[in-house]
Amino acid sequence: MTIVANIIIGLVAFLHIYFLVLEMFFWDKPLGLQTFGHSRESAKASKTLAMNQGLYNGFLAAGLVWGLTLGESGDSIKIFFLACVVIAGVFGAATANRKILYVQALPAIIALALVLAS
């Protein structure tokens, strides 16, 4: 079960690196506009906020990778950062877009459950 948990944690970390790239570098580019459904004008107006949000996603990914590198002794770190991802995903779903619950929070909930079960 630990191997499966770590694979899903790796997926969650990868997703957050992807979110970092989208939000920091592609927010106002065609890929970002299509992904987030923004107009060029609204993307331009919110670009600095998106870059900040992307940086936070990078910190979440870094924390998960850190936990993974520590093996079993990193379980508390994995749990902390997965909980942060879940809270951010639930908040994002409640305030921005329900899709965030499935894209961000659900994989983290599954990984968290697997870590706690192992």
PDB file of N, CA and C in Angstrom:
ATOM      1  N   MET A   1       0.823  -1.201   0.000  1.00  0.00           N
ATOM      2  CA  MET A   1       0.000   0.000   0.000  1.00  0.00           C
ATOM      3  C   MET A   1       0.864   1.262   0.000  1.00  0.00           C
ATOM      4  N   THR A   2       2.041   1.179   0.644  1.00  0.00           N
ATOM      5  CA  THR A   2       2.933   2.334   0.694  1.00  0.00           C
ATOM      6  C   THR A   2       3.384   2.745  -0.697  1.00  0.00           C
ATOM      7  N   ILE A   3       3.664   1.784  -1.546  1.00  0.00           N
ATOM      8  CA  ILE A   3       4.110   2.096  -2.904  1.00  0.00           C
ATOM      9  C   ILE A   3       3.004   2.826  -3.668  1.00  0.00           C
ATOM     10  N   VAL A   4       1.781   2.349  -3.552  1.00  0.00           N
ATOM     11  CA  VAL A   4       0.650   2.993  -4.228  1.00  0.00           C
ATOM     12  C   VAL A   4       0.459   4.408  -3.693  1.00  0.00           C
ATOM     13  N   ALA A   5       0.539   4.570  -2.367  1.00  0.00           N
ATOM     14  CA  ALA A   5       0.415   5.900  -1.753  1.00  0.00           C
ATOM     15  C   ALA A   5       1.475   6.836  -2.303  1.00  0.00           C
ATOM     16  N   ASN A   6       2.716   6.356  -2.374  1.00  0.00           N
ATOM     17  CA  ASN A   6       3.805   7.206  -2.862  1.00  0.00           C
ATOM     18  C   ASN A   6       3.643   7.559  -4.339  1.00  0.00           C
ATOM     19  N   ILE A   7       3.122   6.639  -5.120  1.00  0.00           N
ATOM     20  CA  ILE A   7       2.872   6.937  -6.536  1.00  0.00           C
ATOM     21  C   ILE A   7       1.815   8.038  -6.656  1.00  0.00           C
ATOM     22  N   ILE A   8       0.765   7.954  -5.874  1.00  0.00           N
ATOM     23  CA  ILE A   8      -0.289   8.977  -5.939  1.00  0.00           C
ATOM     24  C   ILE A   8       0.216  10.303  -5.383  1.00  0.00           C
ATOM     25  N   ILE A   9       1.032  10.260  -4.337  1.00  0.00           N
ATOM     26  CA  ILE A   9       1.646  11.495  -3.828  1.00  0.00           C
ATOM     27  C   ILE A   9       2.510  12.122  -4.917  1.00  0.00           C
ATOM     28  N   GLY A  10       3.263  11.291  -5.638  1.00  0.00           N
ATOM     29  CA  GLY A  10       4.056  11.800  -6.759  1.00  0.00           C
ATOM     30  C   GLY A  10       3.179  12.442  -7.819  1.00  0.00           C
ATOM     31  N   LEU A  11       2.031  11.854  -8.081  1.00  0.00           N
ATOM     32  CA  LEU A  11       1.077  12.428  -9.035  1.00  0.00           C
ATOM     33  C   LEU A  11       0.571  13.779  -8.539  1.00  0.00           C
ATOM     34  N   VAL A  12       0.237  13.862  -7.257  1.00  0.00           N
ATOM     35  CA  VAL A  12      -0.232  15.128  -6.682  1.00  0.00           C
ATOM     36  C   VAL A  12       0.872  16.186  -6.788  1.00  0.00           C
ATOM     37  N   ALA A  13       2.103  15.799  -6.486  1.00  0.00           N
ATOM     38  CA  ALA A  13       3.230  16.735  -6.611  1.00  0.00           C
ATOM     39  C   ALA A  13       3.391  17.192  -8.052  1.00  0.00           C
ATOM     40  N   PHE A  14       3.322  16.240  -8.988  1.00  0.00           N
ATOM     41  CA  PHE A  14       3.430  16.587 -10.406  1.00  0.00           C
ATOM     42  C   PHE A  14       2.319  17.561 -10.821  1.00  0.00           C
ATOM     43  N   LEU A  15       1.091  17.298 -10.373  1.00  0.00           N
ATOM     44  CA  LEU A  15      -0.021  18.205 -10.693  1.00  0.00           C
ATOM     45  C   LEU A  15       0.269  19.616 -10.208  1.00  0.00           C
ATOM     46  N   HIS A  16       0.843  19.729  -9.010  1.00  0.00           N
ATOM     47  CA  HIS A  16       1.109  21.059  -8.474  1.00  0.00           C
ATOM     48  C   HIS A  16       2.274  21.752  -9.178  1.00  0.00           C
ATOM     49  N   ILE A  17       3.207  20.983  -9.679  1.00  0.00           N
ATOM     50  CA  ILE A  17       4.259  21.579 -10.526  1.00  0.00           C
ATOM     51  C   ILE A  17       3.627  22.073 -11.826  1.00  0.00           C
ATOM     52  N   TYR A  18       2.709  21.275 -12.366  1.00  0.00           N
ATOM     53  CA  TYR A  18       1.977  21.682 -13.578  1.00  0.00           C
ATOM     54  C   TYR A  18       1.173  22.951 -13.317  1.00  0.00           C
ATOM     55  N   PHE A  19       0.493  23.024 -12.158  1.00  0.00           N
ATOM     56  CA  PHE A  19      -0.260  24.229 -11.810  1.00  0.00           C
ATOM     57  C   PHE A  19       0.678  25.425 -11.703  1.00  0.00           C
ATOM     58  N   LEU A  20       1.861  25.218 -11.104  1.00  0.00           N
ATOM     59  CA  LEU A  20       2.853  26.294 -11.007  1.00  0.00           C
ATOM     60  C   LEU A  20       3.197  26.824 -12.392  1.00  0.00           C
ATOM     61  N   VAL A  21       3.504  25.918 -13.304  1.00  0.00           N
ATOM     62  CA  VAL A  21       3.888  26.327 -14.661  1.00  0.00           C
ATOM     63  C   VAL A  21       2.735  27.071 -15.347  1.00  0.00           C
ATOM     64  N   LEU A  22       1.537  26.513 -15.249  1.00  0.00           N
ATOM     65  CA  LEU A  22       0.378  27.172 -15.865  1.00  0.00           C
ATOM     66  C   LEU A  22       0.163  28.574 -15.296  1.00  0.00           C
ATOM     67  N   GLU A  23       0.187  28.685 -13.978  1.00  0.00           N
ATOM     68  CA  GLU A  23      -0.146  29.956 -13.342  1.00  0.00           C
ATOM     69  C   GLU A  23       0.978  30.976 -13.426  1.00  0.00           C
ATOM     70  N   MET A  24       2.216  30.528 -13.380  1.00  0.00           N
ATOM     71  CA  MET A  24       3.328  31.482 -13.399  1.00  0.00           C
ATOM     72  C   MET A  24       3.768  31.874 -14.812  1.00  0.00           C
ATOM     73  N   PHE A  25       3.643  30.950 -15.757  1.00  0.00           N
ATOM     74  CA  PHE A  25       4.228  31.210 -17.072  1.00  0.00           C
ATOM     75  C   PHE A  25       3.224  31.224 -18.221  1.00  0.00           C
ATOM     76  N   PHE A  26       2.065  30.599 -18.050  1.00  0.00           N
ATOM     77  CA  PHE A  26       1.111  30.494 -19.156  1.00  0.00           C
ATOM     78  C   PHE A  26      -0.247  31.121 -18.858  1.00  0.00           C
ATOM     79  N   TRP A  27      -0.376  31.819 -17.755  1.00  0.00           N
ATOM     80  CA  TRP A  27      -1.651  32.401 -17.337  1.00  0.00           C
ATOM     81  C   TRP A  27      -2.297  33.234 -18.437  1.00  0.00           C
ATOM     82  N   ASP A  28      -1.501  34.083 -19.094  1.00  0.00           N
ATOM     83  CA  ASP A  28      -2.039  34.972 -20.114  1.00  0.00           C
ATOM     84  C   ASP A  28      -1.686  34.519 -21.538  1.00  0.00           C
ATOM     85  N   LYS A  29      -1.253  33.268 -21.652  1.00  0.00           N
ATOM     86  CA  LYS A  29      -0.947  32.671 -22.959  1.00  0.00           C
ATOM     87  C   LYS A  29      -2.127  31.777 -23.376  1.00  0.00           C
ATOM     88  N   PRO A  30      -2.179  31.365 -24.642  1.00  0.00           N
ATOM     89  CA  PRO A  30      -3.319  30.550 -25.097  1.00  0.00           C
ATOM     90  C   PRO A  30      -3.620  29.330 -24.225  1.00  0.00           C
ATOM     91  N   LEU A  31      -2.585  28.603 -23.780  1.00  0.00           N
ATOM     92  CA  LEU A  31      -2.815  27.426 -22.941  1.00  0.00           C
ATOM     93  C   LEU A  31      -3.492  27.816 -21.623  1.00  0.00           C
ATOM     94  N   GLY A  32      -3.011  28.853 -20.987  1.00  0.00           N
ATOM     95  CA  GLY A  32      -3.597  29.312 -19.734  1.00  0.00           C
ATOM     96  C   GLY A  32      -4.996  29.863 -19.917  1.00  0.00           C
ATOM     97  N   LEU A  33      -5.192  30.627 -20.978  1.00  0.00           N
ATOM     98  CA  LEU A  33      -6.517  31.190 -21.252  1.00  0.00           C
ATOM     99  C   LEU A  33      -7.533  30.077 -21.467  1.00  0.00           C
ATOM    100  N   GLN A  34      -7.130  29.049 -22.203  1.00  0.00           N
ATOM    101  CA  GLN A  34      -8.027  27.926 -22.474  1.00  0.00           C
ATOM    102  C   GLN A  34      -8.273  27.107 -21.205  1.00  0.00           C
ATOM    103  N   THR A  35      -7.214  26.842 -20.450  1.00  0.00           N
ATOM    104  CA  THR A  35      -7.331  26.028 -19.246  1.00  0.00           C
ATOM    105  C   THR A  35      -8.234  26.678 -18.203  1.00  0.00           C
ATOM    106  N   PHE A  36      -8.055  27.973 -17.996  1.00  0.00           N
ATOM    107  CA  PHE A  36      -8.779  28.659 -16.930  1.00  0.00           C
ATOM    108  C   PHE A  36     -10.012  29.411 -17.421  1.00  0.00           C
ATOM    109  N   GLY A  37     -10.204  29.491 -18.726  1.00  0.00           N
ATOM    110  CA  GLY A  37     -11.391  30.140 -19.273  1.00  0.00           C
ATOM    111  C   GLY A  37     -11.435  31.638 -19.054  1.00  0.00           C
ATOM    112  N   HIS A  38     -10.278  32.276 -19.033  1.00  0.00           N
ATOM    113  CA  HIS A  38     -10.217  33.727 -18.854  1.00  0.00           C
ATOM    114  C   HIS A  38     -10.109  34.438 -20.196  1.00  0.00           C
ATOM    115  N   SER A  39     -10.534  35.668 -20.192  1.00  0.00           N
ATOM    116  CA  SER A  39     -10.273  36.514 -21.357  1.00  0.00           C
ATOM    117  C   SER A  39      -8.842  37.032 -21.238  1.00  0.00           C
ATOM    118  N   ARG A  40      -8.290  37.491 -22.327  1.00  0.00           N
ATOM    119  CA  ARG A  40      -6.936  38.045 -22.315  1.00  0.00           C
ATOM    120  C   ARG A  40      -6.849  39.238 -21.352  1.00  0.00           C
ATOM    121  N   GLU A  41      -7.908  40.025 -21.306  1.00  0.00           N
ATOM    122  CA  GLU A  41      -7.923  41.217 -20.442  1.00  0.00           C
ATOM    123  C   GLU A  41      -7.925  40.829 -18.960  1.00  0.00           C
ATOM    124  N   SER A  42      -8.791  39.874 -18.585  1.00  0.00           N
ATOM    125  CA  SER A  42      -8.834  39.483 -17.173  1.00  0.00           C
ATOM    126  C   SER A  42      -7.545  38.761 -16.766  1.00  0.00           C
ATOM    127  N   ALA A  43      -6.968  38.004 -17.681  1.00  0.00           N
ATOM    128  CA  ALA A  43      -5.704  37.325 -17.391  1.00  0.00           C
ATOM    129  C   ALA A  43      -4.595  38.346 -17.181  1.00  0.00           C
ATOM    130  N   LYS A  44      -4.578  39.369 -17.987  1.00  0.00           N
ATOM    131  CA  LYS A  44      -3.561  40.408 -17.836  1.00  0.00           C
ATOM    132  C   LYS A  44      -3.717  41.121 -16.494  1.00  0.00           C
ATOM    133  N   ALA A  45      -4.962  41.393 -16.114  1.00  0.00           N
ATOM    134  CA  ALA A  45      -5.226  42.098 -14.862  1.00  0.00           C
ATOM    135  C   ALA A  45      -4.890  41.255 -13.636  1.00  0.00           C
ATOM    136  N   SER A  46      -4.969  39.933 -13.758  1.00  0.00           N
ATOM    137  CA  SER A  46      -4.761  39.064 -12.599  1.00  0.00           C
ATOM    138  C   SER A  46      -3.445  38.278 -12.663  1.00  0.00           C
ATOM    139  N   LYS A  47      -2.583  38.630 -13.585  1.00  0.00           N
ATOM    140  CA  LYS A  47      -1.355  37.855 -13.796  1.00  0.00           C
ATOM    141  C   LYS A  47      -0.467  37.793 -12.553  1.00  0.00           C
ATOM    142  N   THR A  48      -0.306  38.881 -11.846  1.00  0.00           N
ATOM    143  CA  THR A  48       0.538  38.893 -10.656  1.00  0.00           C
ATOM    144  C   THR A  48      -0.034  37.997  -9.573  1.00  0.00           C
ATOM    145  N   LEU A  49      -1.345  38.039  -9.402  1.00  0.00           N
ATOM    146  CA  LEU A  49      -1.986  37.159  -8.418  1.00  0.00           C
ATOM    147  C   LEU A  49      -1.810  35.697  -8.806  1.00  0.00           C
ATOM    148  N   ALA A  50      -1.943  35.398 -10.088  1.00  0.00           N
ATOM    149  CA  ALA A  50      -1.780  34.023 -10.561  1.00  0.00           C
ATOM    150  C   ALA A  50      -0.348  33.536 -10.346  1.00  0.00           C
ATOM    151  N   MET A  51       0.622  34.404 -10.560  1.00  0.00           N
ATOM    152  CA  MET A  51       2.017  34.015 -10.337  1.00  0.00           C
ATOM    153  C   MET A  51       2.244  33.684  -8.860  1.00  0.00           C
ATOM    154  N   ASN A  52       1.653  34.476  -7.980  1.00  0.00           N
ATOM    155  CA  ASN A  52       1.760  34.221  -6.547  1.00  0.00           C
ATOM    156  C   ASN A  52       1.114  32.877  -6.206  1.00  0.00           C
ATOM    157  N   GLN A  53      -0.045  32.628  -6.762  1.00  0.00           N
ATOM    158  CA  GLN A  53      -0.750  31.365  -6.547  1.00  0.00           C
ATOM    159  C   GLN A  53       0.080  30.191  -7.070  1.00  0.00           C
ATOM    160  N   GLY A  54       0.699  30.373  -8.214  1.00  0.00           N
ATOM    161  CA  GLY A  54       1.559  29.330  -8.774  1.00  0.00           C
ATOM    162  C   GLY A  54       2.741  29.020  -7.875  1.00  0.00           C
ATOM    163  N   LEU A  55       3.310  30.056  -7.278  1.00  0.00           N
ATOM    164  CA  LEU A  55       4.430  29.855  -6.364  1.00  0.00           C
ATOM    165  C   LEU A  55       4.003  29.011  -5.169  1.00  0.00           C
ATOM    166  N   TYR A  56       2.824  29.298  -4.621  1.00  0.00           N
ATOM    167  CA  TYR A  56       2.315  28.488  -3.506  1.00  0.00           C
ATOM    168  C   TYR A  56       2.119  27.032  -3.925  1.00  0.00           C
ATOM    169  N   ASN A  57       1.638  26.812  -5.130  1.00  0.00           N
ATOM    170  CA  ASN A  57       1.501  25.442  -5.623  1.00  0.00           C
ATOM    171  C   ASN A  57       2.862  24.760  -5.708  1.00  0.00           C
ATOM    172  N   GLY A  58       3.875  25.519  -6.062  1.00  0.00           N
ATOM    173  CA  GLY A  58       5.234  24.978  -6.089  1.00  0.00           C
ATOM    174  C   GLY A  58       5.713  24.572  -4.705  1.00  0.00           C
ATOM    175  N   PHE A  59       5.366  25.364  -3.694  1.00  0.00           N
ATOM    176  CA  PHE A  59       5.740  25.004  -2.328  1.00  0.00           C
ATOM    177  C   PHE A  59       5.046  23.714  -1.884  1.00  0.00           C
ATOM    178  N   LEU A  60       3.774  23.551  -2.277  1.00  0.00           N
ATOM    179  CA  LEU A  60       3.067  22.302  -1.951  1.00  0.00           C
ATOM    180  C   LEU A  60       3.767  21.108  -2.603  1.00  0.00           C
ATOM    181  N   ALA A  61       4.139  21.263  -3.864  1.00  0.00           N
ATOM    182  CA  ALA A  61       4.845  20.190  -4.568  1.00  0.00           C
ATOM    183  C   ALA A  61       6.181  19.896  -3.899  1.00  0.00           C
ATOM    184  N   ALA A  62       6.911  20.936  -3.532  1.00  0.00           N
ATOM    185  CA  ALA A  62       8.217  20.752  -2.886  1.00  0.00           C
ATOM    186  C   ALA A  62       8.072  20.002  -1.564  1.00  0.00           C
ATOM    187  N   GLY A  63       7.042  20.329  -0.803  1.00  0.00           N
ATOM    188  CA  GLY A  63       6.814  19.643   0.459  1.00  0.00           C
ATOM    189  C   GLY A  63       6.503  18.170   0.260  1.00  0.00           C
ATOM    190  N   LEU A  64       5.704  17.875  -0.754  1.00  0.00           N
ATOM    191  CA  LEU A  64       5.380  16.473  -1.035  1.00  0.00           C
ATOM    192  C   LEU A  64       6.608  15.698  -1.497  1.00  0.00           C
ATOM    193  N   VAL A  65       7.411  16.307  -2.344  1.00  0.00           N
ATOM    194  CA  VAL A  65       8.643  15.650  -2.804  1.00  0.00           C
ATOM    195  C   VAL A  65       9.593  15.440  -1.618  1.00  0.00           C
ATOM    196  N   TRP A  66       9.684  16.424  -0.758  1.00  0.00           N
ATOM    197  CA  TRP A  66      10.510  16.301   0.445  1.00  0.00           C
ATOM    198  C   TRP A  66      10.056  15.104   1.281  1.00  0.00           C
ATOM    199  N   GLY A  67       8.763  15.008   1.505  1.00  0.00           N
ATOM    200  CA  GLY A  67       8.230  13.873   2.252  1.00  0.00           C
ATOM    201  C   GLY A  67       8.544  12.546   1.586  1.00  0.00           C
ATOM    202  N   LEU A  68       8.433  12.511   0.268  1.00  0.00           N
ATOM    203  CA  LEU A  68       8.741  11.279  -0.464  1.00  0.00           C
ATOM    204  C   LEU A  68      10.209  10.882  -0.330  1.00  0.00           C
ATOM    205  N   THR A  69      11.098  11.853  -0.341  1.00  0.00           N
ATOM    206  CA  THR A  69      12.529  11.534  -0.262  1.00  0.00           C
ATOM    207  C   THR A  69      12.920  10.967   1.093  1.00  0.00           C
ATOM    208  N   LEU A  70      12.107  11.201   2.100  1.00  0.00           N
ATOM    209  CA  LEU A  70      12.413  10.715   3.451  1.00  0.00           C
ATOM    210  C   LEU A  70      11.865   9.320   3.723  1.00  0.00           C
ATOM    211  N   GLY A  71      11.124   8.770   2.757  1.00  0.00           N
ATOM    212  CA  GLY A  71      10.553   7.434   2.946  1.00  0.00           C
ATOM    213  C   GLY A  71       9.515   7.432   4.057  1.00  0.00           C
ATOM    214  N   GLU A  72       9.485   6.345   4.836  1.00  0.00           N
ATOM    215  CA  GLU A  72       8.505   6.228   5.918  1.00  0.00           C
ATOM    216  C   GLU A  72       8.671   7.315   6.970  1.00  0.00           C
ATOM    217  N   SER A  73       9.900   7.752   7.201  1.00  0.00           N
ATOM    218  CA  SER A  73      10.115   8.800   8.205  1.00  0.00           C
ATOM    219  C   SER A  73       9.547  10.141   7.751  1.00  0.00           C
ATOM    220  N   GLY A  74       9.151  10.238   6.487  1.00  0.00           N
ATOM    221  CA  GLY A  74       8.541  11.464   5.974  1.00  0.00           C
ATOM    222  C   GLY A  74       7.026  11.446   5.989  1.00  0.00           C
ATOM    223  N   ASP A  75       6.431  10.430   6.618  1.00  0.00           N
ATOM    224  CA  ASP A  75       4.967  10.325   6.602  1.00  0.00           C
ATOM    225  C   ASP A  75       4.280  11.548   7.201  1.00  0.00           C
ATOM    226  N   SER A  76       4.813  12.086   8.285  1.00  0.00           N
ATOM    227  CA  SER A  76       4.168  13.266   8.890  1.00  0.00           C
ATOM    228  C   SER A  76       4.238  14.471   7.954  1.00  0.00           C
ATOM    229  N   ILE A  77       5.307  14.576   7.197  1.00  0.00           N
ATOM    230  CA  ILE A  77       5.437  15.668   6.225  1.00  0.00           C
ATOM    231  C   ILE A  77       4.459  15.457   5.079  1.00  0.00           C
ATOM    232  N   LYS A  78       4.351  14.227   4.606  1.00  0.00           N
ATOM    233  CA  LYS A  78       3.383  13.903   3.547  1.00  0.00           C
ATOM    234  C   LYS A  78       1.973  14.231   4.017  1.00  0.00           C
ATOM    235  N   ILE A  79       1.636  13.831   5.227  1.00  0.00           N
ATOM    236  CA  ILE A  79       0.299  14.080   5.766  1.00  0.00           C
ATOM    237  C   ILE A  79       0.023  15.576   5.854  1.00  0.00           C
ATOM    238  N   PHE A  80       0.983  16.334   6.356  1.00  0.00           N
ATOM    239  CA  PHE A  80       0.793  17.783   6.469  1.00  0.00           C
ATOM    240  C   PHE A  80       0.538  18.420   5.104  1.00  0.00           C
ATOM    241  N   PHE A  81       1.409  18.130   4.131  1.00  0.00           N
ATOM    242  CA  PHE A  81       1.259  18.774   2.829  1.00  0.00           C
ATOM    243  C   PHE A  81       0.038  18.267   2.068  1.00  0.00           C
ATOM    244  N   LEU A  82      -0.303  16.999   2.210  1.00  0.00           N
ATOM    245  CA  LEU A  82      -1.532  16.502   1.587  1.00  0.00           C
ATOM    246  C   LEU A  82      -2.756  17.179   2.208  1.00  0.00           C
ATOM    247  N   ALA A  83      -2.744  17.371   3.524  1.00  0.00           N
ATOM    248  CA  ALA A  83      -3.849  18.080   4.177  1.00  0.00           C
ATOM    249  C   ALA A  83      -3.953  19.510   3.659  1.00  0.00           C
ATOM    250  N   CYS A  84      -2.810  20.155   3.457  1.00  0.00           N
ATOM    251  CA  CYS A  84      -2.811  21.513   2.890  1.00  0.00           C
ATOM    252  C   CYS A  84      -3.433  21.513   1.496  1.00  0.00           C
ATOM    253  N   VAL A  85      -3.082  20.531   0.676  1.00  0.00           N
ATOM    254  CA  VAL A  85      -3.636  20.425  -0.675  1.00  0.00           C
ATOM    255  C   VAL A  85      -5.149  20.209  -0.612  1.00  0.00           C
ATOM    256  N   VAL A  86      -5.586  19.329   0.282  1.00  0.00           N
ATOM    257  CA  VAL A  86      -7.027  19.072   0.412  1.00  0.00           C
ATOM    258  C   VAL A  86      -7.761  20.340   0.817  1.00  0.00           C
ATOM    259  N   ILE A  87      -7.252  21.041   1.814  1.00  0.00           N
ATOM    260  CA  ILE A  87      -7.902  22.276   2.275  1.00  0.00           C
ATOM    261  C   ILE A  87      -7.932  23.309   1.159  1.00  0.00           C
ATOM    262  N   ALA A  88      -6.822  23.477   0.457  1.00  0.00           N
ATOM    263  CA  ALA A  88      -6.784  24.429  -0.656  1.00  0.00           C
ATOM    264  C   ALA A  88      -7.761  24.024  -1.755  1.00  0.00           C
ATOM    265  N   GLY A  89      -7.843  22.727  -2.045  1.00  0.00           N
ATOM    266  CA  GLY A  89      -8.762  22.248  -3.076  1.00  0.00           C
ATOM    267  C   GLY A  89     -10.217  22.451  -2.702  1.00  0.00           C
ATOM    268  N   VAL A  90     -10.563  22.172  -1.451  1.00  0.00           N
ATOM    269  CA  VAL A  90     -11.943  22.375  -0.996  1.00  0.00           C
ATOM    270  C   VAL A  90     -12.285  23.860  -1.016  1.00  0.00           C
ATOM    271  N   PHE A  91     -11.372  24.687  -0.559  1.00  0.00           N
ATOM    272  CA  PHE A  91     -11.605  26.136  -0.572  1.00  0.00           C
ATOM    273  C   PHE A  91     -11.746  26.645  -2.002  1.00  0.00           C
ATOM    274  N   GLY A  92     -10.859  26.183  -2.885  1.00  0.00           N
ATOM    275  CA  GLY A  92     -10.939  26.594  -4.289  1.00  0.00           C
ATOM    276  C   GLY A  92     -12.242  26.159  -4.934  1.00  0.00           C
ATOM    277  N   ALA A  93     -12.701  24.970  -4.601  1.00  0.00           N
ATOM    278  CA  ALA A  93     -13.971  24.486  -5.153  1.00  0.00           C
ATOM    279  C   ALA A  93     -15.140  25.313  -4.642  1.00  0.00           C
ATOM    280  N   ALA A  94     -15.070  25.725  -3.390  1.00  0.00           N
ATOM    281  CA  ALA A  94     -16.159  26.506  -2.794  1.00  0.00           C
ATOM    282  C   ALA A  94     -16.172  27.950  -3.277  1.00  0.00           C
ATOM    283  N   THR A  95     -15.000  28.485  -3.610  1.00  0.00           N
ATOM    284  CA  THR A  95     -14.921  29.915  -3.939  1.00  0.00           C
ATOM    285  C   THR A  95     -14.664  30.230  -5.403  1.00  0.00           C
ATOM    286  N   ALA A  96     -14.091  29.286  -6.144  1.00  0.00           N
ATOM    287  CA  ALA A  96     -13.700  29.602  -7.521  1.00  0.00           C
ATOM    288  C   ALA A  96     -14.379  28.705  -8.552  1.00  0.00           C
ATOM    289  N   ASN A  97     -14.124  27.391  -8.469  1.00  0.00           N
ATOM    290  CA  ASN A  97     -14.618  26.480  -9.488  1.00  0.00           C
ATOM    291  C   ASN A  97     -14.728  25.079  -8.894  1.00  0.00           C
ATOM    292  N   ARG A  98     -15.895  24.482  -8.997  1.00  0.00           N
ATOM    293  CA  ARG A  98     -16.132  23.160  -8.410  1.00  0.00           C
ATOM    294  C   ARG A  98     -15.172  22.103  -8.959  1.00  0.00           C
ATOM    295  N   LYS A  99     -14.698  22.291 -10.189  1.00  0.00           N
ATOM    296  CA  LYS A  99     -13.775  21.338 -10.810  1.00  0.00           C
ATOM    297  C   LYS A  99     -12.499  21.155  -9.985  1.00  0.00           C
ATOM    298  N   ILE A 100     -12.125  22.163  -9.226  1.00  0.00           N
ATOM    299  CA  ILE A 100     -10.919  22.095  -8.397  1.00  0.00           C
ATOM    300  C   ILE A 100     -11.031  20.963  -7.381  1.00  0.00           C
ATOM    301  N   LEU A 101     -12.235  20.687  -6.919  1.00  0.00           N
ATOM    302  CA  LEU A 101     -12.439  19.604  -5.964  1.00  0.00           C
ATOM    303  C   LEU A 101     -11.974  18.273  -6.541  1.00  0.00           C
ATOM    304  N   TYR A 102     -12.236  18.049  -7.814  1.00  0.00           N
ATOM    305  CA  TYR A 102     -11.894  16.776  -8.458  1.00  0.00           C
ATOM    306  C   TYR A 102     -10.454  16.741  -8.948  1.00  0.00           C
ATOM    307  N   VAL A 103      -9.948  17.872  -9.416  1.00  0.00           N
ATOM    308  CA  VAL A 103      -8.604  17.912  -9.992  1.00  0.00           C
ATOM    309  C   VAL A 103      -7.533  18.015  -8.911  1.00  0.00           C
ATOM    310  N   GLN A 104      -7.805  18.773  -7.856  1.00  0.00           N
ATOM    311  CA  GLN A 104      -6.797  19.027  -6.832  1.00  0.00           C
ATOM    312  C   GLN A 104      -7.065  18.253  -5.543  1.00  0.00           C
ATOM    313  N   ALA A 105      -8.259  18.385  -4.995  1.00  0.00           N
ATOM    314  CA  ALA A 105      -8.529  17.806  -3.675  1.00  0.00           C
ATOM    315  C   ALA A 105      -8.674  16.280  -3.710  1.00  0.00           C
ATOM    316  N   LEU A 106      -9.391  15.745  -4.675  1.00  0.00           N
ATOM    317  CA  LEU A 106      -9.659  14.301  -4.698  1.00  0.00           C
ATOM    318  C   LEU A 106      -8.392  13.452  -4.754  1.00  0.00           C
ATOM    319  N   PRO A 107      -7.442  13.739  -5.648  1.00  0.00           N
ATOM    320  CA  PRO A 107      -6.210  12.928  -5.627  1.00  0.00           C
ATOM    321  C   PRO A 107      -5.477  13.021  -4.285  1.00  0.00           C
ATOM    322  N   ALA A 108      -5.493  14.209  -3.672  1.00  0.00           N
ATOM    323  CA  ALA A 108      -4.829  14.371  -2.376  1.00  0.00           C
ATOM    324  C   ALA A 108      -5.570  13.610  -1.275  1.00  0.00           C
ATOM    325  N   ILE A 109      -6.899  13.586  -1.336  1.00  0.00           N
ATOM    326  CA  ILE A 109      -7.688  12.824  -0.361  1.00  0.00           C
ATOM    327  C   ILE A 109      -7.361  11.333  -0.473  1.00  0.00           C
ATOM    328  N   ILE A 110      -7.275  10.839  -1.701  1.00  0.00           N
ATOM    329  CA  ILE A 110      -6.946   9.422  -1.919  1.00  0.00           C
ATOM    330  C   ILE A 110      -5.549   9.121  -1.377  1.00  0.00           C
ATOM    331  N   ALA A 111      -4.576   9.977  -1.707  1.00  0.00           N
ATOM    332  CA  ALA A 111      -3.203   9.775  -1.224  1.00  0.00           C
ATOM    333  C   ALA A 111      -3.151   9.849   0.298  1.00  0.00           C
ATOM    334  N   LEU A 112      -3.854  10.808   0.887  1.00  0.00           N
ATOM    335  CA  LEU A 112      -3.877  10.953   2.334  1.00  0.00           C
ATOM    336  C   LEU A 112      -4.463   9.715   2.997  1.00  0.00           C
ATOM    337  N   ALA A 113      -5.556   9.202   2.454  1.00  0.00           N
ATOM    338  CA  ALA A 113      -6.173   7.995   3.001  1.00  0.00           C
ATOM    339  C   ALA A 113      -5.199   6.814   2.928  1.00  0.00           C
ATOM    340  N   LEU A 114      -4.483   6.706   1.826  1.00  0.00           N
ATOM    341  CA  LEU A 114      -3.532   5.599   1.676  1.00  0.00           C
ATOM    342  C   LEU A 114      -2.362   5.729   2.642  1.00  0.00           C
ATOM    343  N   VAL A 115      -1.865   6.944   2.854  1.00  0.00           N
ATOM    344  CA  VAL A 115      -0.775   7.138   3.811  1.00  0.00           C
ATOM    345  C   VAL A 115      -1.246   6.782   5.213  1.00  0.00           C
ATOM    346  N   LEU A 116      -2.426   7.233   5.569  1.00  0.00           N
ATOM    347  CA  LEU A 116      -2.943   6.962   6.906  1.00  0.00           C
ATOM    348  C   LEU A 116      -3.234   5.468   7.114  1.00  0.00           C
ATOM    349  N   ALA A 117      -3.592   4.769   6.033  1.00  0.00           N
ATOM    350  CA  ALA A 117      -3.909   3.339   6.126  1.00  0.00           C
ATOM    351  C   ALA A 117      -2.651   2.469   6.154  1.00  0.00           C
ATOM    352  N   SER A 118      -1.529   3.019   5.715  1.00  0.00           N
ATOM    353  CA  SER A 118      -0.317   2.172   5.640  1.00  0.00           C
ATOM    354  C   SER A 118       0.520   2.246   6.896  1.00  0.00           C
TER     355      SER A 118
END
